[in-house]
Amino acid sequence: MNTMKPSSSTKTFVLALFTTAMAFSSSCAQQVGGRGLPPEAREQIHALFDAHAKIRRDLKLTADGYTALTESDDPKVAAALKKHVGQMQARLGGGLSVRRWDPAFAEYCDHYDEMEHQFTPTDKGVRMTVKGRTANAVKIAQNHAKVVSDFAAHGWSEHDKKHDTVTR
């Protein structure tokens, strides 16, 4: 019986392939081509894009991430803000993705577990504090916060844009 031993380059390739597969299976990258947001979550974000003129957002970048206060005097919009942030925390925390076609969101999703997210409801909306555990996670969190601020400021005109990454 003639047996061949794999070369070191073959072993390296197989190991790299396995490592890549494991990385994708444990991140939200597995959702590429998925069903997208459930109808209720889509309704919430669309309501927020529709009402963006009623939303005010105060973003403060910090050395380790950011704090954002996002509120509205309209009780329906304030409720939608709270519900949306809760839905996104559950979705991303559960390994699911959002906006995979947008490079900045894909990057945020891929590094979500490198950040600490603290969501605090307020009377008129939400306060979100995000701290990155790595230098790249800090940059990614801050980039995400800026994109969300653009959504709040510009509504639907910002929706279909692709946003730049900060580490790729």
Protein backbone atom coordinates (compact mmCIF):
# COMPACT_ATOMS: atom_id res chain seq x y z
CA MET A 1 0.00 0.00 0.00
CA ASN A 2 1.38 3.38 -1.02
CA THR A 3 0.53 6.18 1.43
CA MET A 4 1.39 9.78 0.83
CA LYS A 5 2.10 12.17 3.63
CA PRO A 6 0.61 15.61 3.17
CA SER A 7 3.18 18.32 2.58
CA SER A 8 3.57 21.14 5.07
CA SER A 9 1.99 23.55 2.58
CA THR A 10 -1.05 21.24 2.28
CA LYS A 11 -1.32 21.06 6.08
CA THR A 12 -1.06 24.85 6.30
CA PHE A 13 -3.75 25.28 3.64
CA VAL A 14 -6.13 22.85 5.36
CA LEU A 15 -5.53 24.53 8.72
CA ALA A 16 -6.16 27.98 7.22
CA LEU A 17 -9.32 26.73 5.54
CA PHE A 18 -10.58 25.18 8.79
CA THR A 19 -9.76 28.33 10.80
CA THR A 20 -11.59 30.53 8.28
CA ALA A 21 -14.63 28.24 8.33
CA MET A 22 -14.73 28.32 12.13
CA ALA A 23 -14.41 32.10 12.21
CA PHE A 24 -17.31 32.50 9.81
CA SER A 25 -19.49 29.98 11.61
CA SER A 26 -19.13 31.78 14.94
CA SER A 27 -19.67 35.29 13.60
CA CYS A 28 -22.67 36.86 11.99
CA ALA A 29 -21.00 36.37 8.61
CA GLN A 30 -23.00 33.15 8.33
CA GLN A 31 -26.05 35.28 7.59
CA VAL A 32 -24.89 36.46 4.15
CA GLY A 33 -27.79 35.90 1.79
CA GLY A 34 -30.15 35.29 4.69
CA ARG A 35 -33.76 36.34 5.04
CA GLY A 36 -32.98 39.80 6.37
CA LEU A 37 -34.79 41.45 9.24
CA PRO A 38 -38.04 40.01 10.55
CA PRO A 39 -41.06 42.15 9.54
CA GLU A 40 -41.48 43.72 13.00
CA ALA A 41 -37.82 44.82 13.12
CA ARG A 42 -38.02 46.14 9.55
CA GLU A 43 -41.15 48.13 10.48
CA GLN A 44 -39.34 49.70 13.45
CA ILE A 45 -36.29 50.83 11.50
CA HIS A 46 -38.43 52.10 8.62
CA ALA A 47 -40.53 54.10 11.09
CA LEU A 48 -37.33 55.65 12.42
CA PHE A 49 -36.10 56.55 8.92
CA ASP A 50 -39.51 58.10 8.23
CA ALA A 51 -39.40 60.12 11.47
CA HIS A 52 -35.72 61.08 11.39
CA ALA A 53 -36.57 64.80 11.59
CA LYS A 54 -38.14 64.13 15.00
CA ILE A 55 -34.99 62.47 16.33
CA ARG A 56 -32.09 64.22 18.03
CA ARG A 57 -28.84 62.43 18.66
CA ASP A 58 -25.95 63.58 20.81
CA LEU A 59 -22.84 61.52 20.09
CA LYS A 60 -19.75 61.73 22.26
CA LEU A 61 -16.70 59.75 21.17
CA THR A 62 -14.60 58.50 24.08
CA ALA A 63 -11.11 57.02 24.30
CA ASP A 64 -12.61 53.52 24.42
CA GLY A 65 -15.75 53.91 22.28
CA TYR A 66 -18.73 56.23 22.49
CA THR A 67 -21.87 57.30 24.28
CA ALA A 68 -24.92 58.37 22.30
CA LEU A 69 -28.16 59.83 23.58
CA THR A 70 -30.88 59.40 20.96
CA GLU A 71 -34.28 60.85 21.80
CA SER A 72 -37.52 62.26 20.46
CA ASP A 73 -40.29 64.38 21.96
CA ASP A 74 -42.77 62.24 19.99
CA PRO A 75 -43.75 59.32 22.27
CA LYS A 76 -44.25 56.95 19.29
CA VAL A 77 -40.77 57.71 17.95
CA ALA A 78 -39.25 57.37 21.44
CA ALA A 79 -40.92 53.96 21.79
CA ALA A 80 -39.66 52.94 18.33
CA LEU A 81 -36.10 53.93 19.32
CA LYS A 82 -36.23 51.78 22.43
CA LYS A 83 -37.72 48.83 20.61
CA HIS A 84 -35.25 49.07 17.71
CA VAL A 85 -32.17 49.17 19.92
CA GLY A 86 -33.44 46.18 21.89
CA GLN A 87 -34.13 44.26 18.68
CA MET A 88 -30.66 44.99 17.31
CA GLN A 89 -28.96 44.01 20.57
CA ALA A 90 -30.81 40.70 20.56
CA ARG A 91 -30.09 40.09 16.88
CA LEU A 92 -26.37 40.95 16.92
CA GLY A 93 -25.83 39.42 20.35
CA GLY A 94 -27.35 36.20 18.99
CA GLY A 95 -24.86 36.08 16.11
CA LEU A 96 -27.23 37.35 13.41
CA SER A 97 -26.34 40.13 11.04
CA VAL A 98 -27.82 43.30 9.68
CA ARG A 99 -26.99 45.21 6.47
CA ARG A 100 -24.27 42.75 5.37
CA TRP A 101 -24.13 44.58 2.03
CA ASP A 102 -22.85 47.69 3.81
CA PRO A 103 -19.10 47.31 4.52
CA ALA A 104 -19.23 49.32 7.77
CA PHE A 105 -22.08 47.19 9.16
CA ALA A 106 -20.40 43.96 8.07
CA GLU A 107 -17.26 45.08 9.91
CA TYR A 108 -19.30 46.03 13.01
CA CYS A 109 -21.08 42.68 12.98
CA ASP A 110 -17.82 40.77 12.60
CA HIS A 111 -16.35 42.52 15.66
CA TYR A 112 -19.52 42.83 17.76
CA ASP A 113 -18.27 40.43 20.43
CA GLU A 114 -15.16 42.61 20.91
CA MET A 115 -17.35 45.39 22.31
CA GLU A 116 -19.32 45.92 25.48
CA HIS A 117 -22.78 47.38 24.78
CA GLN A 118 -24.82 49.07 27.49
CA PHE A 119 -28.36 50.08 26.52
CA THR A 120 -30.24 52.35 28.90
CA PRO A 121 -33.79 53.47 28.13
CA THR A 122 -34.59 57.11 28.88
CA ASP A 123 -37.98 58.81 29.09
CA LYS A 124 -37.63 59.97 25.47
CA GLY A 125 -35.41 57.32 23.89
CA VAL A 126 -32.15 55.54 24.56
CA ARG A 127 -28.62 56.03 25.80
CA MET A 128 -26.10 53.65 24.29
CA THR A 129 -22.59 53.27 25.66
CA VAL A 130 -20.20 51.09 23.69
CA LYS A 131 -16.66 50.26 24.74
CA GLY A 132 -14.24 48.43 22.50
CA ARG A 133 -12.00 45.77 24.03
CA THR A 134 -9.36 46.23 21.31
CA ALA A 135 -8.03 49.25 19.45
CA ASN A 136 -9.76 48.09 16.27
CA ALA A 137 -13.04 47.50 18.10
CA VAL A 138 -12.93 51.08 19.41
CA LYS A 139 -12.51 52.43 15.86
CA ILE A 140 -15.25 50.17 14.52
CA ALA A 141 -17.68 51.14 17.29
CA GLN A 142 -17.05 54.83 16.69
CA ASN A 143 -17.51 54.40 12.94
CA HIS A 144 -20.82 52.62 13.53
CA ALA A 145 -21.96 55.43 15.83
CA LYS A 146 -21.17 58.04 13.17
CA VAL A 147 -23.14 56.09 10.54
CA VAL A 148 -26.14 55.82 12.88
CA SER A 149 -25.87 59.57 13.54
CA ASP A 150 -26.01 60.12 9.76
CA PHE A 151 -29.14 57.94 9.62
CA ALA A 152 -30.77 60.07 12.33
CA ALA A 153 -29.75 63.31 10.61
CA HIS A 154 -30.59 62.42 7.02
CA GLY A 155 -33.13 59.57 7.08
CA TRP A 156 -33.81 57.70 3.86
CA SER A 157 -31.24 59.63 1.84
CA GLU A 158 -28.56 57.90 3.94
CA HIS A 159 -30.22 54.47 3.95
CA ASP A 160 -28.97 53.05 0.65
CA LYS A 161 -25.39 54.26 0.99
CA LYS A 162 -22.48 51.94 1.58
CA HIS A 163 -20.27 53.20 4.38
CA ASP A 164 -16.50 52.81 4.62
CA THR A 165 -14.80 50.45 7.01
CA VAL A 166 -12.02 51.57 9.33
CA THR A 167 -9.88 48.42 9.57
CA ARG A 168 -10.15 46.73 6.16
